[in-house]
């Protein structure tokens, strides 16, 4: 066993009441998989993990563990927490995923729309239970946000590819380059499948609703990250100054990608203070180390340019507690200033494309309405992940996909 891993394992106190479990959104049995790993029973540790997660090799890299499992580790009160993600990743990448014997032994067929974490998790559980699963996706490579939204330097695409290859061995059929609402409809699926799971994510960037937002070189973060993932840089050549609007992980990913691939001066513009930033602390620090400039308590109010953006006019904010006791940014009068920028990347928030959903009922904010069984207003159709919750974490989308699979099995049986 590696020396570094053994040292980490020895740090775990094997608490009688492990508080790390309280912080794990996947409900992983952390105490048990660490105990088994300590005994060098790596495959047994992986089997424990597999009861609660389908993406341990991925979640161990992208989860905000400093707020979750590590953040709840009792050793925070002593010196530093156990490096749980490192141990989980080691187990996941040094174990074998089993191919069950009962593949395709059920007659029912299920369609899954979207191959992000929710869709992949749902497909895996259904396939392992003998169901025939087709995954539809608009892109040419499966993985959704795992492939196109999270940069390579955060999540090695080899890990994602290994997961996709395993799912193919489970006889899951990937139907790529097919877009819901363009190449097929909800009604088409209803006539062909016994159940449907919508995992279409939240991919439409909300508008800022400020003047001249339609100028060239003002792009959505999802679009920008997709281009970066494909190393398609021709649209973004010779950009000296880039501004990223937002404070979440997507904003940080876009800023780091711009710095790495375009070698530009990059600024992140966020309307609240650093304390309120939802991005991972580790990623914020990484951005600072890469000399990315942060403009906190700052909001854009207009874009300036003829054909394409040249400047962004901003105002400074102060935080005032709202009715929910949440710091609300309020503009400071006469605090206007301009930022020179050749490209603006919007990473503020994302919505669901409801135009493709036919008669499925949605909330006013665009999320798909589901009941406690994750069924939509059409009982044969289930939904989960960002398209029901709004933009969230990979681990939450994955758990939604797993739960949807178990509810689909209950529905079909």
Protein backbone atom coordinates (compact mmCIF):
# COMPACT_ATOMS: atom_id res chain seq x y z
CA UNK A 1 0.00 0.00 0.00
CA UNK A 2 1.34 3.46 -0.89
CA UNK A 3 3.15 5.22 1.93
CA UNK A 4 1.16 8.45 1.53
CA UNK A 5 -2.16 6.59 1.61
CA UNK A 6 -1.18 4.60 4.71
CA UNK A 7 -0.31 7.80 6.54
CA UNK A 8 -3.70 9.29 5.64
CA UNK A 9 -5.56 6.16 6.72
CA UNK A 10 -3.78 6.20 10.08
CA UNK A 11 -5.14 9.72 10.67
CA UNK A 12 -8.74 8.44 10.74
CA UNK A 13 -9.91 7.98 14.34
CA UNK A 14 -12.72 5.56 13.38
CA UNK A 15 -15.09 7.62 15.55
CA UNK A 16 -17.94 5.90 17.35
CA UNK A 17 -20.28 8.55 15.92
CA UNK A 18 -18.52 9.71 12.73
CA UNK A 19 -19.53 13.30 11.99
CA UNK A 20 -18.02 13.09 8.48
CA UNK A 21 -21.11 11.11 7.43
CA UNK A 22 -23.31 14.10 8.26
CA UNK A 23 -21.56 16.14 5.60
CA UNK A 24 -21.61 13.58 2.77
CA UNK A 25 -24.40 14.33 0.30
CA UNK A 26 -23.98 10.85 -1.20
CA UNK A 27 -24.52 9.21 2.22
CA UNK A 28 -21.31 7.23 1.77
CA UNK A 29 -20.28 4.98 4.66
CA UNK A 30 -16.97 6.78 5.08
CA UNK A 31 -15.96 5.11 8.32
CA UNK A 32 -16.44 1.63 6.84
CA UNK A 33 -14.66 2.17 3.52
CA UNK A 34 -11.69 3.72 5.32
CA UNK A 35 -11.58 0.79 7.76
CA UNK A 36 -11.57 -1.73 4.89
CA UNK A 37 -8.96 0.25 2.98
CA UNK A 38 -6.80 0.30 6.11
CA UNK A 39 -7.00 -3.51 6.13
CA UNK A 40 -5.93 -3.45 2.46
CA UNK A 41 -9.35 -4.77 1.39
CA UNK A 42 -9.63 -2.31 -1.48
CA UNK A 43 -12.29 -4.16 -3.49
CA UNK A 44 -14.43 -4.60 -0.38
CA UNK A 45 -14.09 -0.88 0.31
CA UNK A 46 -15.20 -0.16 -3.26
CA UNK A 47 -18.21 -2.45 -2.84
CA UNK A 48 -19.24 -0.41 0.21
CA UNK A 49 -18.88 2.81 -1.80
CA UNK A 50 -20.91 1.37 -4.70
CA UNK A 51 -23.98 1.00 -2.48
CA UNK A 52 -24.37 4.78 -2.27
CA UNK A 53 -22.54 6.27 -5.26
CA UNK A 54 -22.02 5.47 -8.92
CA UNK A 55 -19.33 8.13 -9.49
CA UNK A 56 -16.75 7.83 -6.68
CA UNK A 57 -13.75 8.47 -8.94
CA UNK A 58 -15.42 11.71 -10.11
CA UNK A 59 -17.15 13.01 -6.97
CA UNK A 60 -13.91 12.58 -5.02
CA UNK A 61 -12.38 15.20 -7.34
CA UNK A 62 -15.21 17.70 -7.83
CA UNK A 63 -17.22 17.66 -4.57
CA UNK A 64 -16.75 20.69 -2.28
CA UNK A 65 -15.37 18.36 0.38
CA UNK A 66 -14.08 21.21 2.54
CA UNK A 67 -17.74 22.02 3.26
CA UNK A 68 -18.97 18.42 3.23
CA UNK A 69 -17.20 15.31 4.53
CA UNK A 70 -13.91 17.00 5.41
CA UNK A 71 -15.69 20.03 6.76
CA UNK A 72 -17.55 17.80 9.23
CA UNK A 73 -14.52 15.69 10.25
CA UNK A 74 -13.98 15.78 14.03
CA UNK A 75 -10.25 16.33 13.48
CA UNK A 76 -10.95 19.92 12.39
CA UNK A 77 -11.06 20.61 16.15
CA UNK A 78 -7.60 19.09 16.63
CA UNK A 79 -5.42 20.04 13.65
CA UNK A 80 -6.63 19.18 10.14
CA UNK A 81 -9.32 16.85 8.71
CA UNK A 82 -8.69 13.43 7.23
CA UNK A 83 -8.22 13.67 3.45
CA UNK A 84 -11.35 11.64 2.69
CA UNK A 85 -11.54 12.53 -1.05
CA UNK A 86 -7.99 11.25 -1.63
CA UNK A 87 -8.85 7.92 0.02
CA UNK A 88 -12.13 7.63 -1.89
CA UNK A 89 -10.39 8.37 -5.19
CA UNK A 90 -7.69 5.80 -4.48
CA UNK A 91 -10.28 3.13 -3.76
CA UNK A 92 -12.32 4.02 -6.87
CA UNK A 93 -9.33 3.95 -9.22
CA UNK A 94 -7.77 0.78 -7.79
CA UNK A 95 -10.85 -1.44 -7.90
CA UNK A 96 -12.79 -3.32 -10.53
CA UNK A 97 -16.36 -2.46 -11.49
CA UNK A 98 -18.31 -5.70 -11.79
CA UNK A 99 -20.44 -6.66 -14.80
CA UNK A 100 -23.62 -8.38 -13.50
CA UNK A 101 -24.94 -11.59 -15.07
CA UNK A 102 -28.56 -10.41 -15.37
CA UNK A 103 -28.10 -7.79 -18.12
CA UNK A 104 -31.12 -7.23 -20.41
CA UNK A 105 -33.28 -9.82 -18.66
CA UNK A 106 -36.28 -7.46 -18.44
CA UNK A 107 -38.59 -6.71 -21.35
CA UNK A 108 -39.19 -3.04 -20.51
CA UNK A 109 -37.26 -0.29 -22.32
CA UNK A 110 -36.32 3.00 -20.71
CA UNK A 111 -35.17 6.24 -22.34
CA UNK A 112 -32.88 8.65 -20.55
CA UNK A 113 -32.47 12.15 -21.97
CA UNK A 114 -29.10 13.62 -21.03
CA UNK A 115 -25.81 11.87 -20.24
CA UNK A 116 -24.64 14.07 -17.39
CA UNK A 117 -24.22 12.75 -13.82
CA UNK A 118 -27.97 12.26 -13.23
CA UNK A 119 -28.51 10.42 -16.51
CA UNK A 120 -25.43 8.21 -16.13
CA UNK A 121 -26.31 7.26 -12.55
CA UNK A 122 -29.90 6.40 -13.46
CA UNK A 123 -28.76 4.33 -16.44
CA UNK A 124 -26.24 2.35 -14.38
CA UNK A 125 -28.77 1.32 -11.72
CA UNK A 126 -31.39 0.37 -14.31
CA UNK A 127 -28.92 -1.62 -16.43
CA UNK A 128 -27.63 -3.50 -13.38
CA UNK A 129 -31.24 -4.46 -12.67
CA UNK A 130 -31.65 -5.96 -16.13
CA UNK A 131 -33.41 -3.14 -17.98
CA UNK A 132 -32.81 -2.10 -21.58
CA UNK A 133 -31.62 1.53 -21.49
CA UNK A 134 -31.16 4.09 -24.26
CA UNK A 135 -29.42 7.38 -23.43
CA UNK A 136 -30.09 10.30 -25.79
CA UNK A 137 -27.73 13.26 -25.83
CA UNK A 138 -27.30 16.30 -28.05
CA UNK A 139 -23.49 16.15 -28.01
CA UNK A 140 -21.12 13.79 -29.82
CA UNK A 141 -19.42 12.54 -26.63
CA UNK A 142 -21.32 11.41 -23.50
CA UNK A 143 -20.80 12.92 -20.07
CA UNK A 144 -22.67 16.23 -20.17
CA UNK A 145 -21.11 18.68 -17.72
CA UNK A 146 -18.46 16.07 -16.82
CA UNK A 147 -17.18 16.20 -20.41
CA UNK A 148 -17.97 19.73 -21.54
CA UNK A 149 -18.47 21.82 -18.40
CA UNK A 150 -15.68 20.85 -15.99
CA UNK A 151 -12.18 21.66 -17.28
CA UNK A 152 -9.60 18.95 -17.88
CA UNK A 153 -7.32 20.37 -15.17
CA UNK A 154 -10.11 19.80 -12.61
CA UNK A 155 -11.44 16.48 -13.89
CA UNK A 156 -9.25 14.28 -16.09
CA UNK A 157 -11.42 13.19 -19.03
CA UNK A 158 -9.76 9.76 -18.95
CA UNK A 159 -11.72 9.10 -15.74
CA UNK A 160 -14.99 10.11 -17.42
CA UNK A 161 -14.20 7.96 -20.47
CA UNK A 162 -13.49 4.95 -18.25
CA UNK A 163 -16.93 5.37 -16.68
CA UNK A 164 -18.63 5.65 -20.07
CA UNK A 165 -16.82 2.52 -21.31
CA UNK A 166 -18.00 0.61 -18.24
CA UNK A 167 -21.60 1.69 -18.89
CA UNK A 168 -21.31 0.47 -22.46
CA UNK A 169 -20.26 -2.92 -21.09
CA UNK A 170 -23.55 -2.87 -19.15
CA UNK A 171 -25.26 -2.87 -22.60
CA UNK A 172 -26.42 0.74 -22.24
CA UNK A 173 -27.05 2.20 -25.68
CA UNK A 174 -25.75 5.76 -26.26
CA UNK A 175 -27.61 7.67 -28.99
CA UNK A 176 -25.54 10.80 -29.62
CA UNK A 177 -26.05 14.00 -31.63
CA UNK A 178 -29.81 13.87 -31.02
CA UNK A 179 -31.42 16.94 -29.49
CA UNK A 180 -34.78 16.93 -27.71
CA UNK A 181 -37.17 19.30 -29.44
CA UNK A 182 -35.24 19.14 -32.70
CA UNK A 183 -34.51 15.51 -33.60
CA UNK A 184 -37.20 13.91 -31.45
CA UNK A 185 -40.02 14.93 -29.11
CA UNK A 186 -41.49 13.83 -25.79
CA UNK A 187 -44.41 12.27 -27.71
CA UNK A 188 -41.98 10.21 -29.82
CA UNK A 189 -40.52 8.74 -26.63
CA UNK A 190 -43.90 8.09 -25.01
CA UNK A 191 -44.86 5.89 -27.94
CA UNK A 192 -41.62 3.89 -27.83
CA UNK A 193 -40.61 3.43 -24.17
CA UNK A 194 -42.10 2.05 -20.97
CA UNK A 195 -40.56 4.83 -18.87
CA UNK A 196 -38.57 8.02 -19.48
CA UNK A 197 -36.08 9.89 -17.29
CA UNK A 198 -35.39 13.54 -18.08
CA UNK A 199 -31.90 14.62 -17.04
CA UNK A 200 -31.58 17.58 -19.38
CA UNK A 201 -29.84 19.86 -16.88
CA UNK A 202 -30.10 23.63 -16.69
CA UNK A 203 -28.16 24.90 -19.67
CA UNK A 204 -29.64 28.28 -20.58
CA UNK A 205 -27.69 31.21 -19.13
CA UNK A 206 -29.94 33.81 -17.52
CA UNK A 207 -29.76 37.31 -18.96
CA UNK A 208 -28.24 40.17 -17.02
CA UNK A 209 -30.83 42.53 -18.50
CA UNK A 210 -28.39 45.40 -18.93
CA UNK A 211 -27.94 47.62 -22.03
CA UNK A 212 -26.05 46.21 -25.03
CA UNK A 213 -25.99 42.66 -23.71
CA UNK A 214 -26.24 41.38 -27.29
CA UNK A 215 -22.89 42.81 -28.39
CA UNK A 216 -20.41 40.36 -29.89
CA UNK A 217 -17.90 38.75 -27.53
CA UNK A 218 -20.42 38.49 -24.70
CA UNK A 219 -20.88 34.73 -24.27
CA UNK A 220 -22.39 32.22 -21.87
CA UNK A 221 -20.04 30.26 -19.62
CA UNK A 222 -21.37 26.89 -20.81
CA UNK A 223 -20.62 27.82 -24.42
CA UNK A 224 -17.14 29.07 -23.51
CA UNK A 225 -16.26 25.97 -21.45
CA UNK A 226 -17.49 23.68 -24.22
CA UNK A 227 -15.20 25.45 -26.69
CA UNK A 228 -12.28 25.19 -24.27
CA UNK A 229 -12.93 21.48 -23.70
CA UNK A 230 -12.70 20.92 -27.45
CA UNK A 231 -9.58 23.15 -27.69
CA UNK A 232 -11.51 25.25 -30.19
CA UNK A 233 -9.81 28.60 -29.58
CA UNK A 234 -10.14 30.31 -32.98
CA UNK A 235 -13.11 32.43 -31.87
CA UNK A 236 -11.09 33.76 -28.92
CA UNK A 237 -7.75 34.70 -30.43
CA UNK A 238 -5.86 37.87 -29.39
CA UNK A 239 -7.97 38.79 -26.37
CA UNK A 240 -6.01 40.93 -23.96
CA UNK A 241 -8.65 41.41 -21.23
CA UNK A 242 -11.42 39.01 -20.22
CA UNK A 243 -14.12 39.58 -17.60
CA UNK A 244 -16.08 36.73 -16.00
CA UNK A 245 -19.34 37.63 -14.25
CA UNK A 246 -20.36 35.36 -11.37
CA UNK A 247 -19.11 33.78 -8.17
CA UNK A 248 -19.80 30.05 -8.49
CA UNK A 249 -17.63 27.14 -9.57
CA UNK A 250 -18.59 27.72 -13.22
CA UNK A 251 -17.24 31.27 -13.03
CA UNK A 252 -13.97 30.06 -11.51
CA UNK A 253 -13.67 27.27 -14.11
CA UNK A 254 -14.24 29.78 -16.92
CA UNK A 255 -11.68 32.20 -15.50
CA UNK A 256 -9.02 29.51 -15.00
CA UNK A 257 -9.68 28.15 -18.50
CA UNK A 258 -9.33 31.63 -20.00
CA UNK A 259 -6.05 32.13 -18.17
CA UNK A 260 -4.66 28.71 -19.11
CA UNK A 261 -5.71 28.48 -22.75
CA UNK A 262 -5.90 32.12 -23.88
CA UNK A 263 -3.17 33.64 -21.68
CA UNK A 264 -5.22 36.80 -21.13
CA UNK A 265 -5.66 39.19 -18.23
CA UNK A 266 -8.70 37.78 -16.43
CA UNK A 267 -10.99 39.44 -13.90
CA UNK A 268 -13.89 37.89 -11.97
CA UNK A 269 -16.71 40.33 -11.23
CA UNK A 270 -18.94 39.31 -8.32
CA UNK A 271 -21.75 41.35 -6.81
CA UNK A 272 -21.21 40.19 -3.23
CA UNK A 273 -18.07 39.80 -1.09
CA UNK A 274 -15.61 36.89 -1.12
CA UNK A 275 -17.29 35.48 2.00
CA UNK A 276 -20.54 34.91 0.06
CA UNK A 277 -18.93 33.30 -2.99
CA UNK A 278 -20.49 29.85 -3.55
CA UNK A 279 -17.38 28.56 -5.35
CA UNK A 280 -15.06 26.11 -3.62
CA UNK A 281 -12.46 27.78 -1.40
CA UNK A 282 -9.76 25.62 -2.99
CA UNK A 283 -10.71 26.85 -6.47
CA UNK A 284 -10.87 30.50 -5.37
CA UNK A 285 -7.35 30.18 -3.97
CA UNK A 286 -6.19 28.51 -7.17
CA UNK A 287 -7.55 31.45 -9.18
CA UNK A 288 -5.72 33.90 -6.91
CA UNK A 289 -2.49 31.95 -7.38
CA UNK A 290 -2.98 32.22 -11.15
CA UNK A 291 -3.07 36.02 -10.82
CA UNK A 292 -6.77 36.27 -11.65
CA UNK A 293 -8.13 39.60 -10.46
CA UNK A 294 -11.23 39.64 -8.24
CA UNK A 295 -13.63 42.58 -8.24
CA UNK A 296 -15.91 41.96 -5.28
CA UNK A 297 -19.05 43.97 -4.45
CA UNK A 298 -19.23 44.91 -8.13
CA UNK A 299 -22.09 44.66 -10.65
CA UNK A 300 -22.14 45.35 -14.42
CA UNK A 301 -24.73 47.93 -15.49
CA UNK A 302 -23.97 48.26 -19.21
CA UNK A 303 -21.70 47.11 -22.02
CA UNK A 304 -19.98 49.58 -24.33
CA UNK A 305 -18.86 49.02 -27.92
CA UNK A 306 -19.92 49.34 -31.54
CA UNK A 307 -20.01 45.81 -32.95
CA UNK A 308 -18.31 43.99 -30.10
CA UNK A 309 -17.78 44.78 -26.45
CA UNK A 310 -14.88 47.11 -25.56
CA UNK A 311 -15.78 48.21 -22.05
CA UNK A 312 -18.03 47.11 -19.22
CA UNK A 313 -19.49 49.79 -16.99
CA UNK A 314 -19.87 48.71 -13.36
CA UNK A 315 -21.01 50.01 -9.99
CA UNK A 316 -19.83 49.17 -6.49
CA UNK A 317 -22.22 47.56 -4.02
CA UNK A 318 -22.77 47.43 -0.30
CA UNK A 319 -24.42 44.47 1.41
CA UNK A 320 -27.73 44.93 3.22
CA UNK A 321 -29.56 42.07 4.94
CA UNK A 322 -32.86 41.22 3.23
CA UNK A 323 -36.02 39.69 4.77
CA UNK A 324 -34.39 36.24 4.76
CA UNK A 325 -31.32 37.59 6.56
CA UNK A 326 -29.26 37.11 3.38
CA UNK A 327 -26.77 39.80 2.33
CA UNK A 328 -28.31 41.64 -0.61
CA UNK A 329 -26.09 43.78 -2.86
CA UNK A 330 -27.29 47.38 -3.11
CA UNK A 331 -25.69 49.85 -5.55
CA UNK A 332 -23.63 52.67 -4.10
CA UNK A 333 -24.64 55.94 -5.74
CA UNK A 334 -22.06 57.58 -8.04
CA UNK A 335 -19.66 54.63 -7.78
CA UNK A 336 -19.62 53.97 -11.55
CA UNK A 337 -16.40 52.91 -13.24
CA UNK A 338 -15.37 51.16 -16.49
CA UNK A 339 -13.41 47.99 -17.17
CA UNK A 340 -11.58 47.47 -20.46
CA UNK A 341 -12.60 44.06 -21.76
CA UNK A 342 -12.41 42.16 -25.07
CA UNK A 343 -14.59 39.28 -23.90
CA UNK A 344 -17.31 38.94 -21.27
CA UNK A 345 -18.24 35.47 -19.97
CA UNK A 346 -21.56 35.28 -18.14
CA UNK A 347 -21.73 32.68 -15.36
CA UNK A 348 -24.52 34.09 -13.22
CA UNK A 349 -27.21 31.39 -13.19
CA UNK A 350 -28.86 28.89 -15.48
CA UNK A 351 -32.40 27.95 -16.48
CA UNK A 352 -34.15 24.93 -18.00
CA UNK A 353 -35.28 24.92 -21.62
CA UNK A 354 -39.02 24.39 -21.05
CA UNK A 355 -39.86 24.77 -24.75
CA UNK A 356 -38.95 21.10 -25.39
CA UNK A 357 -41.09 19.62 -22.60
CA UNK A 358 -44.51 19.55 -24.24
CA UNK A 359 -47.29 19.27 -21.64
CA UNK A 360 -45.03 18.56 -18.65
CA UNK A 361 -45.77 21.00 -15.82
CA UNK A 362 -42.98 23.30 -14.62
CA UNK A 363 -42.46 25.83 -11.86
CA UNK A 364 -42.58 29.56 -12.76
CA UNK A 365 -38.76 29.64 -12.44
CA UNK A 366 -38.68 26.90 -15.18
CA UNK A 367 -37.81 23.80 -13.11
CA UNK A 368 -39.73 20.60 -13.84
CA UNK A 369 -42.28 19.74 -11.14
CA UNK A 370 -41.89 16.20 -9.71
CA UNK A 371 -43.61 14.34 -6.87
CA UNK A 372 -41.98 12.33 -4.05
CA UNK A 373 -41.38 9.48 -6.54
CA UNK A 374 -39.67 11.87 -8.98
CA UNK A 375 -42.55 11.56 -11.44
CA UNK A 376 -43.60 14.53 -13.54
CA UNK A 377 -47.20 15.47 -14.34
CA UNK A 378 -47.03 12.59 -16.84
CA UNK A 379 -46.58 9.50 -14.58
CA UNK A 380 -44.55 7.60 -17.18
CA UNK A 381 -41.97 10.40 -17.24
CA UNK A 382 -39.52 10.95 -14.38
CA UNK A 383 -37.07 13.83 -13.97
CA UNK A 384 -34.11 14.71 -11.77
CA UNK A 385 -30.92 16.68 -11.40
CA UNK A 386 -30.54 20.32 -12.34
CA UNK A 387 -33.72 20.32 -14.46
CA UNK A 388 -35.77 19.86 -11.27
CA UNK A 389 -33.55 21.60 -8.71
CA UNK A 390 -31.82 24.33 -10.67
CA UNK A 391 -28.00 24.46 -10.94
CA UNK A 392 -26.55 22.20 -8.26
CA UNK A 393 -23.63 19.88 -7.48
CA UNK A 394 -22.51 16.78 -9.39
CA UNK A 395 -23.07 14.61 -6.31
CA UNK A 396 -26.66 15.84 -5.90
CA UNK A 397 -27.45 15.21 -9.57
CA UNK A 398 -25.94 11.73 -9.26
CA UNK A 399 -28.06 10.89 -6.20
CA UNK A 400 -31.15 12.17 -8.01
CA UNK A 401 -30.35 9.84 -10.90
CA UNK A 402 -29.94 6.87 -8.57
CA UNK A 403 -33.19 7.64 -6.74
CA UNK A 404 -35.04 8.05 -10.03
CA UNK A 405 -33.83 4.62 -11.15
CA UNK A 406 -35.17 2.93 -8.01
CA UNK A 407 -38.50 4.75 -8.44
CA UNK A 408 -38.68 3.72 -12.11
CA UNK A 409 -38.08 0.09 -11.10
CA UNK A 410 -40.88 0.38 -8.52
CA UNK A 411 -43.16 1.95 -11.14
CA UNK A 412 -42.48 -0.76 -13.74
CA UNK A 413 -42.89 -3.63 -11.29
